[in-house]
Protein backbone atom coordinates (compact mmCIF):
# COMPACT_ATOMS: atom_id res chain seq x y z
CA MET A 1 -8.64 7.78 -31.64
CA THR A 2 -11.76 6.16 -30.18
CA GLY A 3 -12.76 3.38 -27.83
CA SER A 4 -10.03 1.37 -26.12
CA ALA A 5 -7.27 3.14 -28.07
CA ALA A 6 -8.45 6.51 -26.73
CA LYS A 7 -8.47 5.11 -23.18
CA ALA A 8 -4.95 3.77 -23.66
CA ARG A 9 -3.79 7.19 -24.89
CA LEU A 10 -5.40 8.94 -21.93
CA TYR A 11 -3.69 6.55 -19.51
CA ALA A 12 -0.36 7.06 -21.27
CA LEU A 13 -0.71 10.85 -21.06
CA THR A 14 -1.42 10.51 -17.34
CA LEU A 15 1.84 8.59 -16.93
CA LEU A 16 3.78 11.14 -18.98
CA ARG A 17 2.38 13.97 -16.90
CA TYR A 18 4.33 12.71 -13.88
CA ARG A 19 7.65 12.25 -15.70
CA GLY A 20 9.17 11.56 -19.07
CA ARG A 21 9.16 7.93 -20.15
CA SER A 22 10.77 5.97 -22.93
CA GLU A 23 8.78 4.12 -25.55
CA LYS A 24 9.78 0.82 -23.92
CA GLU A 25 8.62 2.01 -20.49
CA LEU A 26 5.31 3.21 -21.86
CA ARG A 27 4.67 -0.01 -23.77
CA ASP A 28 5.46 -2.04 -20.65
CA ARG A 29 3.07 -0.01 -18.48
CA LEU A 30 0.25 -0.19 -21.04
CA ARG A 31 0.77 -3.93 -21.43
CA LYS A 32 0.74 -4.39 -17.65
CA LYS A 33 -2.50 -2.39 -17.50
CA GLY A 34 -4.08 -4.92 -19.85
CA TYR A 35 -4.41 -2.97 -23.11
CA GLN A 36 -4.31 -4.87 -26.39
CA GLN A 37 -1.21 -4.69 -28.56
CA VAL A 38 -3.05 -2.92 -31.36
CA ASP A 39 -4.11 -0.15 -28.95
CA ILE A 40 -0.60 0.08 -27.51
CA ASP A 41 0.91 0.43 -30.99
CA ALA A 42 -1.63 3.09 -31.96
CA THR A 43 -1.00 5.01 -28.74
CA VAL A 44 2.78 4.97 -29.15
CA VAL A 45 2.59 6.13 -32.76
CA ASN A 46 0.15 8.90 -31.86
CA LEU A 47 2.23 10.16 -28.93
CA ARG A 48 5.45 9.96 -30.94
CA ASP A 49 3.90 11.95 -33.79
CA SER A 50 2.49 14.48 -31.30
CA GLY A 51 5.89 15.01 -29.68
CA PHE A 52 4.91 13.60 -26.30
CA LEU A 53 7.14 10.55 -26.70
CA ASP A 54 10.75 11.14 -27.74
CA ASP A 55 13.46 8.70 -26.66
CA LYS A 56 16.29 10.86 -27.96
CA ALA A 57 15.10 13.96 -26.09
CA LEU A 58 14.62 11.90 -22.91
CA ALA A 59 18.15 10.52 -23.11
CA GLU A 60 19.59 13.98 -23.71
CA ASN A 61 17.70 15.25 -20.67
CA LEU A 62 19.15 12.45 -18.53
CA LYS A 63 22.60 13.35 -19.81
CA ARG A 64 22.08 16.99 -18.79
CA GLN A 65 20.94 15.85 -15.34
CA ALA A 66 24.11 13.78 -15.01
CA MET A 67 26.19 16.85 -15.83
CA THR A 68 24.55 18.98 -13.13
CA ASN A 69 23.65 16.40 -10.48
CA LYS A 70 26.80 14.86 -9.06
CA LEU A 71 24.73 12.48 -6.93
CA LEU A 72 23.33 10.85 -10.05
CA GLY A 73 26.56 10.73 -12.04
CA PHE A 74 27.05 9.08 -15.40
CA ASP A 75 26.86 5.54 -14.02
CA GLY A 76 23.46 6.43 -12.62
CA ALA A 77 22.43 8.01 -15.91
CA ARG A 78 23.59 4.95 -17.81
CA ARG A 79 21.56 2.63 -15.60
CA LEU A 80 18.47 4.81 -15.99
CA MET A 81 18.88 4.83 -19.75
CA GLN A 82 19.41 1.08 -19.89
CA GLN A 83 16.33 0.47 -17.72
CA ARG A 84 14.29 2.70 -20.00
CA GLY A 85 15.52 1.01 -23.18
CA LEU A 86 17.27 4.09 -24.54
CA PRO A 87 19.98 3.91 -27.27
CA ARG A 88 23.38 2.58 -26.11
CA GLN A 89 25.32 5.13 -28.17
CA ILE A 90 23.76 7.94 -26.15
CA ILE A 91 24.70 6.14 -22.93
CA ASP A 92 28.30 5.89 -24.11
CA ARG A 93 28.36 9.57 -25.10
CA ALA A 94 27.17 10.55 -21.62
CA HIS A 95 29.69 8.32 -19.86
CA ALA A 96 32.56 9.51 -22.04
CA MET A 97 32.23 13.01 -20.55
CA GLY A 98 33.59 11.54 -17.28
CA LEU A 99 32.41 13.01 -13.99
CA LYS A 100 33.16 11.62 -10.53
CA VAL A 101 30.22 9.44 -9.48
CA TYR A 102 28.46 9.75 -6.12
CA GLY A 103 25.48 7.52 -5.34
CA GLY A 104 22.51 8.54 -3.20
CA THR A 105 20.11 6.03 -1.65
CA LEU A 106 16.36 6.17 -2.35
CA THR A 107 14.27 7.71 0.41
CA PRO A 108 11.23 5.99 2.00
CA PHE A 109 7.64 6.66 0.90
CA GLN A 110 5.46 4.00 2.55
CA ALA A 111 2.50 6.24 3.39
CA PHE A 112 2.24 7.83 -0.08
CA LEU A 113 -0.84 6.46 -1.90
CA PRO A 114 -0.61 2.91 -0.44
CA GLY A 115 -1.57 0.28 -2.97
CA VAL A 116 -1.29 2.75 -5.85
CA TYR A 117 2.14 4.40 -5.67
CA TYR A 118 3.55 2.51 -2.69
CA THR A 119 3.41 -1.28 -2.90
CA SER A 120 5.26 -4.06 -1.10
CA ASP A 121 6.87 -4.99 -4.42
CA GLY A 122 8.04 -1.41 -4.95
CA GLU A 123 9.46 -1.30 -1.42
CA ALA A 124 11.36 -4.55 -2.01
CA LYS A 125 12.87 -3.01 -5.15
CA ARG A 126 13.82 0.16 -3.26
CA GLN A 127 15.55 -1.91 -0.58
CA ALA A 128 17.37 -3.96 -3.23
CA VAL A 129 18.54 -0.83 -5.06
CA ASN A 130 19.72 0.75 -1.82
CA HIS A 131 21.59 -2.40 -0.84
CA TRP A 132 23.35 -2.38 -4.20
CA ILE A 133 24.19 1.32 -3.92
CA ARG A 134 25.66 0.81 -0.44
CA THR A 135 27.62 -2.38 -1.11
CA SER A 136 28.54 -2.54 -4.82
CA ARG A 137 31.56 -0.19 -4.52
CA ALA A 138 30.55 1.16 -7.91
CA TYR A 139 30.63 4.77 -6.69
CA ASP A 140 33.38 7.08 -5.60
CA ALA A 141 31.20 7.72 -2.53
CA VAL A 142 27.73 6.84 -1.29
CA ILE A 143 25.50 9.36 0.51
CA ASP A 144 22.80 7.64 2.54
CA PHE A 145 19.73 9.86 2.19
CA ASP A 146 17.50 6.94 3.20
CA ARG A 147 19.20 6.63 6.57
CA ALA A 148 19.14 10.39 7.03
CA ILE A 149 15.36 10.81 6.97
CA ARG A 150 13.78 7.40 7.57
CA ASP A 151 11.76 6.63 10.69
CA PRO A 152 13.95 4.42 12.91
CA ASP A 153 10.84 2.60 14.14
CA ASN A 154 9.52 2.06 10.61
CA PRO A 155 12.36 2.32 8.05
CA ALA A 156 9.94 2.10 5.11
CA ARG A 157 8.43 5.43 6.16
CA MET A 158 9.83 8.95 6.44
CA ARG A 159 10.36 10.38 9.91
CA ALA A 160 7.29 12.50 10.73
CA ALA A 161 9.39 15.54 11.63
CA TYR A 162 10.84 15.51 8.09
CA ASP A 163 7.57 14.97 6.18
CA SER A 164 6.21 17.86 4.10
CA GLY A 165 2.72 16.44 4.54
CA ASP A 166 2.38 14.28 1.43
CA ASN A 167 4.38 11.31 2.83
CA LEU A 168 6.74 11.51 -0.15
CA HIS A 169 8.64 14.80 -0.19
CA PRO A 170 10.71 16.07 2.77
CA ASN A 171 10.03 19.44 4.38
CA ASP A 172 12.76 22.02 5.03
CA ALA A 173 14.02 20.09 8.05
CA GLY A 174 14.12 16.91 6.00
CA TYR A 175 16.12 18.52 3.22
CA ARG A 176 18.45 19.95 5.88
CA ALA A 177 18.99 16.44 7.25
CA MET A 178 19.75 15.22 3.73
CA ALA A 179 22.18 18.09 3.20
CA ASP A 180 23.86 17.33 6.52
CA ALA A 181 24.42 13.77 5.30
CA ILE A 182 26.78 15.06 2.59
CA ASP A 183 30.47 15.33 3.43
CA LEU A 184 31.55 18.51 1.64
CA SER A 185 35.11 17.21 1.39
CA LEU A 186 33.79 15.05 -1.45
CA PHE A 187 33.80 18.18 -3.57
CA ASN A 188 37.24 19.58 -2.76
CA GLY A 189 39.28 16.99 -4.62
CA GLN A 190 41.01 15.66 -1.49
CA ALA A 191 39.08 12.42 -1.18
CA SER A 192 40.60 9.15 -2.29
CA GLY A 193 39.09 5.70 -2.31
CA ARG A 194 35.40 4.87 -2.36
CA ARG A 195 33.52 6.13 0.64
CA VAL A 196 30.19 5.72 2.38
CA VAL A 197 28.79 8.81 4.06
CA ALA A 198 26.96 7.89 7.26
CA ALA A 199 23.95 10.12 7.91
CA LYS A 200 23.31 11.42 11.39
CA PRO A 201 20.09 9.93 12.86
CA SER A 202 18.35 13.23 13.67
CA SER A 203 18.65 16.97 13.15
CA THR A 204 19.29 17.51 16.86
CA GLN A 205 22.63 15.74 16.74
CA ALA A 206 25.40 18.32 16.51
CA ALA A 207 28.23 16.21 15.08
CA LYS A 208 28.90 16.43 11.37
CA PRO A 209 28.36 13.09 9.59
CA LYS A 210 31.59 11.32 8.76
CA ALA A 211 32.60 9.60 5.56
CA ALA A 212 34.13 6.17 6.06
CA LEU A 213 36.75 4.95 3.63
CA CYS A 214 35.99 1.48 2.37
CA PRO A 215 38.93 -0.90 1.85
CA CYS A 216 38.97 -0.79 -1.92
CA PRO A 217 41.10 0.94 -4.55
CA PRO A 218 39.95 4.29 -5.97
C-alpha cells in the first residue's frame, strides 16, 4: 500500500493498538478523519486479511469479558456489540448465558490529553451514559464509580488524591475507593430488587457505602 492508503492503514493500526475495534468502528473513524472511501476499503481489506481486524474474534472477546466481569454483564456486552456493529446472533448467544447484571458508571478523565482524548463532546456523552446507567433501572444494581473518585469541585476530573499521574487511571487509593463503592452483599445472592450503590465521598470516611433499593420489581 502506498500514498494515502498507506497513511490510512497506519492511522488504523494506531487505533487498533489502543483497543480492538470492529470493522464498522474503524470505517467510521477513518471516514471522520477525512480519508477517501477507496482508501478506507483498501485499509479494511488489508487489515482483515492480515488478521488485525476480526469482528467475530472481537465479539467472542466481549462475551468472555461479560462472563468474568460482573460489572459489565451481558446487557453491557450487548450494547457494546451493537454500538460496534457486531453480529446480532453473537449478541443473543452471549445474553442467553444469563448472568446477573451490575452496571458501573464511567469515571472522569478531563485532564487526559485535552482536545485529543478528552473533548467536551466526549464528556457530554459520558454524562449521558452515566445518567442512563443510574436511572434506567436496566441493571440489578448500579455501582457509582464516577461518584467514588471524581473531584467534588470539578466532577469532570478525577480527585487528585486518586490520580495515578496520567489523569486517566486511578492509583491504589483510587482503586480502593472504587472497591469500597461495591456492596459485597450483591454477590451473596441475598439482594432483591434493583439497587444503586452510593459511593462514599472520600477514603477517609469510615462508613461502608450503602446500597439503596429502588422502588421497582426485580
